[in-house]
Amino acid sequence: MNSGGFTAKTQLDYQSIPEVDLDLLVDKNSKFSTWAEMVSASCDFNFENQMKGIKFS
């Protein structure tokens, strides 16, 4: 966020950032096209790791 020029110290700060601006940042600096795509992948990754951590198969 900081490297993209965004400051988000509170939830309200984060919510005030236009998603289109986050999409541009993500598209330019990652393998993802949109902010939502990146967040979704992050959630999937964390869920899978938690399941592995509790030996869920």
N, C-alpha and C. Protein backbone atom coordinates (compact mmCIF):
# COMPACT_ATOMS: atom_id res chain seq x y z
N MET A 1 0.83 -1.17 0.00
CA MET A 1 0.00 0.00 0.00
C MET A 1 0.88 1.25 0.00
N ASN A 2 1.85 1.26 0.89
CA ASN A 2 2.71 2.45 0.97
C ASN A 2 3.49 2.69 -0.32
N SER A 3 3.99 1.61 -0.92
CA SER A 3 4.77 1.78 -2.15
C SER A 3 3.90 2.28 -3.30
N GLY A 4 2.60 2.10 -3.19
CA GLY A 4 1.68 2.60 -4.21
C GLY A 4 1.22 4.01 -3.94
N GLY A 5 1.72 4.59 -2.85
CA GLY A 5 1.35 5.95 -2.51
C GLY A 5 0.09 6.07 -1.67
N PHE A 6 -0.37 4.94 -1.12
CA PHE A 6 -1.58 4.94 -0.29
C PHE A 6 -1.20 4.91 1.18
N THR A 7 -1.97 5.61 1.96
CA THR A 7 -1.82 5.57 3.41
C THR A 7 -3.12 5.03 3.98
N ALA A 8 -3.01 3.94 4.71
CA ALA A 8 -4.20 3.33 5.29
C ALA A 8 -3.88 2.88 6.70
N LYS A 9 -4.00 3.81 7.63
CA LYS A 9 -3.72 3.50 9.03
C LYS A 9 -4.96 3.05 9.78
N THR A 10 -6.13 3.32 9.20
CA THR A 10 -7.38 2.91 9.84
C THR A 10 -8.26 2.22 8.80
N GLN A 11 -9.29 1.58 9.28
CA GLN A 11 -10.24 0.93 8.38
C GLN A 11 -10.90 1.96 7.46
N LEU A 12 -11.21 3.11 7.99
CA LEU A 12 -11.82 4.17 7.19
C LEU A 12 -10.87 4.65 6.09
N ASP A 13 -9.58 4.78 6.42
CA ASP A 13 -8.59 5.15 5.41
C ASP A 13 -8.59 4.14 4.28
N TYR A 14 -8.58 2.87 4.63
CA TYR A 14 -8.56 1.80 3.63
C TYR A 14 -9.83 1.86 2.76
N GLN A 15 -10.96 2.03 3.39
CA GLN A 15 -12.22 2.04 2.66
C GLN A 15 -12.35 3.26 1.74
N SER A 16 -11.60 4.30 2.01
CA SER A 16 -11.70 5.50 1.19
C SER A 16 -10.85 5.43 -0.09
N ILE A 17 -10.02 4.39 -0.22
CA ILE A 17 -9.19 4.25 -1.42
C ILE A 17 -10.06 3.68 -2.54
N PRO A 18 -10.15 4.36 -3.66
CA PRO A 18 -10.96 3.84 -4.78
C PRO A 18 -10.41 2.50 -5.27
N GLU A 19 -11.29 1.51 -5.42
CA GLU A 19 -10.84 0.18 -5.84
C GLU A 19 -10.17 0.22 -7.21
N VAL A 20 -10.59 1.12 -8.06
CA VAL A 20 -9.96 1.23 -9.38
C VAL A 20 -8.48 1.58 -9.24
N ASP A 21 -8.14 2.39 -8.25
CA ASP A 21 -6.73 2.73 -8.01
C ASP A 21 -5.96 1.52 -7.50
N LEU A 22 -6.59 0.72 -6.64
CA LEU A 22 -5.94 -0.50 -6.17
C LEU A 22 -5.77 -1.50 -7.31
N ASP A 23 -6.78 -1.57 -8.18
CA ASP A 23 -6.69 -2.46 -9.35
C ASP A 23 -5.49 -2.10 -10.21
N LEU A 24 -5.30 -0.82 -10.45
CA LEU A 24 -4.16 -0.37 -11.27
C LEU A 24 -2.83 -0.73 -10.62
N LEU A 25 -2.74 -0.54 -9.31
CA LEU A 25 -1.52 -0.86 -8.58
C LEU A 25 -1.23 -2.36 -8.65
N VAL A 26 -2.25 -3.17 -8.42
CA VAL A 26 -2.09 -4.62 -8.45
C VAL A 26 -1.73 -5.10 -9.84
N ASP A 27 -2.42 -4.60 -10.84
CA ASP A 27 -2.15 -5.02 -12.22
C ASP A 27 -0.72 -4.69 -12.63
N LYS A 28 -0.24 -3.56 -12.20
CA LYS A 28 1.10 -3.10 -12.58
C LYS A 28 2.21 -3.84 -11.82
N ASN A 29 1.92 -4.28 -10.59
CA ASN A 29 2.99 -4.78 -9.72
C ASN A 29 2.85 -6.23 -9.27
N SER A 30 1.93 -6.97 -9.87
CA SER A 30 1.77 -8.36 -9.46
C SER A 30 1.30 -9.21 -10.64
N LYS A 31 1.13 -10.48 -10.39
CA LYS A 31 0.62 -11.37 -11.44
C LYS A 31 -0.91 -11.33 -11.53
N PHE A 32 -1.54 -10.58 -10.65
CA PHE A 32 -2.99 -10.49 -10.61
C PHE A 32 -3.47 -9.28 -11.41
N SER A 33 -4.72 -9.36 -11.85
CA SER A 33 -5.30 -8.27 -12.64
C SER A 33 -6.02 -7.24 -11.79
N THR A 34 -6.62 -7.70 -10.69
CA THR A 34 -7.41 -6.80 -9.86
C THR A 34 -7.12 -7.02 -8.38
N TRP A 35 -7.51 -6.05 -7.59
CA TRP A 35 -7.39 -6.13 -6.15
C TRP A 35 -8.20 -7.32 -5.62
N ALA A 36 -9.42 -7.47 -6.10
CA ALA A 36 -10.29 -8.55 -5.64
C ALA A 36 -9.69 -9.92 -5.96
N GLU A 37 -9.10 -10.05 -7.12
CA GLU A 37 -8.45 -11.31 -7.50
C GLU A 37 -7.30 -11.63 -6.56
N MET A 38 -6.51 -10.62 -6.22
CA MET A 38 -5.37 -10.82 -5.33
C MET A 38 -5.84 -11.19 -3.92
N VAL A 39 -6.85 -10.50 -3.43
CA VAL A 39 -7.38 -10.79 -2.09
C VAL A 39 -7.94 -12.21 -2.04
N SER A 40 -8.66 -12.60 -3.07
CA SER A 40 -9.23 -13.95 -3.13
C SER A 40 -8.13 -15.01 -3.11
N ALA A 41 -7.09 -14.81 -3.89
CA ALA A 41 -5.98 -15.76 -3.91
C ALA A 41 -5.29 -15.84 -2.56
N SER A 42 -5.16 -14.71 -1.90
CA SER A 42 -4.56 -14.67 -0.58
C SER A 42 -5.39 -15.45 0.44
N CYS A 43 -6.70 -15.28 0.37
CA CYS A 43 -7.59 -16.02 1.27
C CYS A 43 -7.50 -17.52 1.02
N ASP A 44 -7.49 -17.91 -0.25
CA ASP A 44 -7.37 -19.33 -0.59
C ASP A 44 -6.06 -19.90 -0.07
N PHE A 45 -4.98 -19.18 -0.27
CA PHE A 45 -3.66 -19.62 0.18
C PHE A 45 -3.63 -19.79 1.70
N ASN A 46 -4.15 -18.81 2.42
CA ASN A 46 -4.15 -18.88 3.88
C ASN A 46 -5.04 -20.01 4.39
N PHE A 47 -6.18 -20.22 3.77
CA PHE A 47 -7.08 -21.30 4.16
C PHE A 47 -6.40 -22.66 3.97
N GLU A 48 -5.78 -22.85 2.81
CA GLU A 48 -5.08 -24.11 2.55
C GLU A 48 -3.97 -24.36 3.56
N ASN A 49 -3.23 -23.33 3.90
CA ASN A 49 -2.15 -23.49 4.89
C ASN A 49 -2.69 -23.79 6.28
N GLN A 50 -3.80 -23.18 6.64
CA GLN A 50 -4.40 -23.49 7.94
C GLN A 50 -4.87 -24.94 7.98
N MET A 51 -5.46 -25.41 6.91
CA MET A 51 -5.92 -26.80 6.87
C MET A 51 -4.74 -27.77 6.95
N LYS A 52 -3.65 -27.46 6.28
CA LYS A 52 -2.45 -28.28 6.37
C LYS A 52 -1.90 -28.26 7.80
N GLY A 53 -1.98 -27.10 8.44
CA GLY A 53 -1.47 -26.94 9.80
C GLY A 53 -2.20 -27.81 10.81
N ILE A 54 -3.46 -28.09 10.55
CA ILE A 54 -4.21 -28.95 11.48
C ILE A 54 -4.32 -30.37 10.93
N LYS A 55 -3.52 -30.64 9.89
CA LYS A 55 -3.45 -31.97 9.27
C LYS A 55 -4.79 -32.42 8.68
N PHE A 56 -5.55 -31.45 8.16
CA PHE A 56 -6.83 -31.75 7.50
C PHE A 56 -6.56 -32.16 6.07
N SER A 57 -7.11 -33.28 5.65
CA SER A 57 -6.85 -33.71 4.27
C SER A 57 -8.11 -33.98 3.50
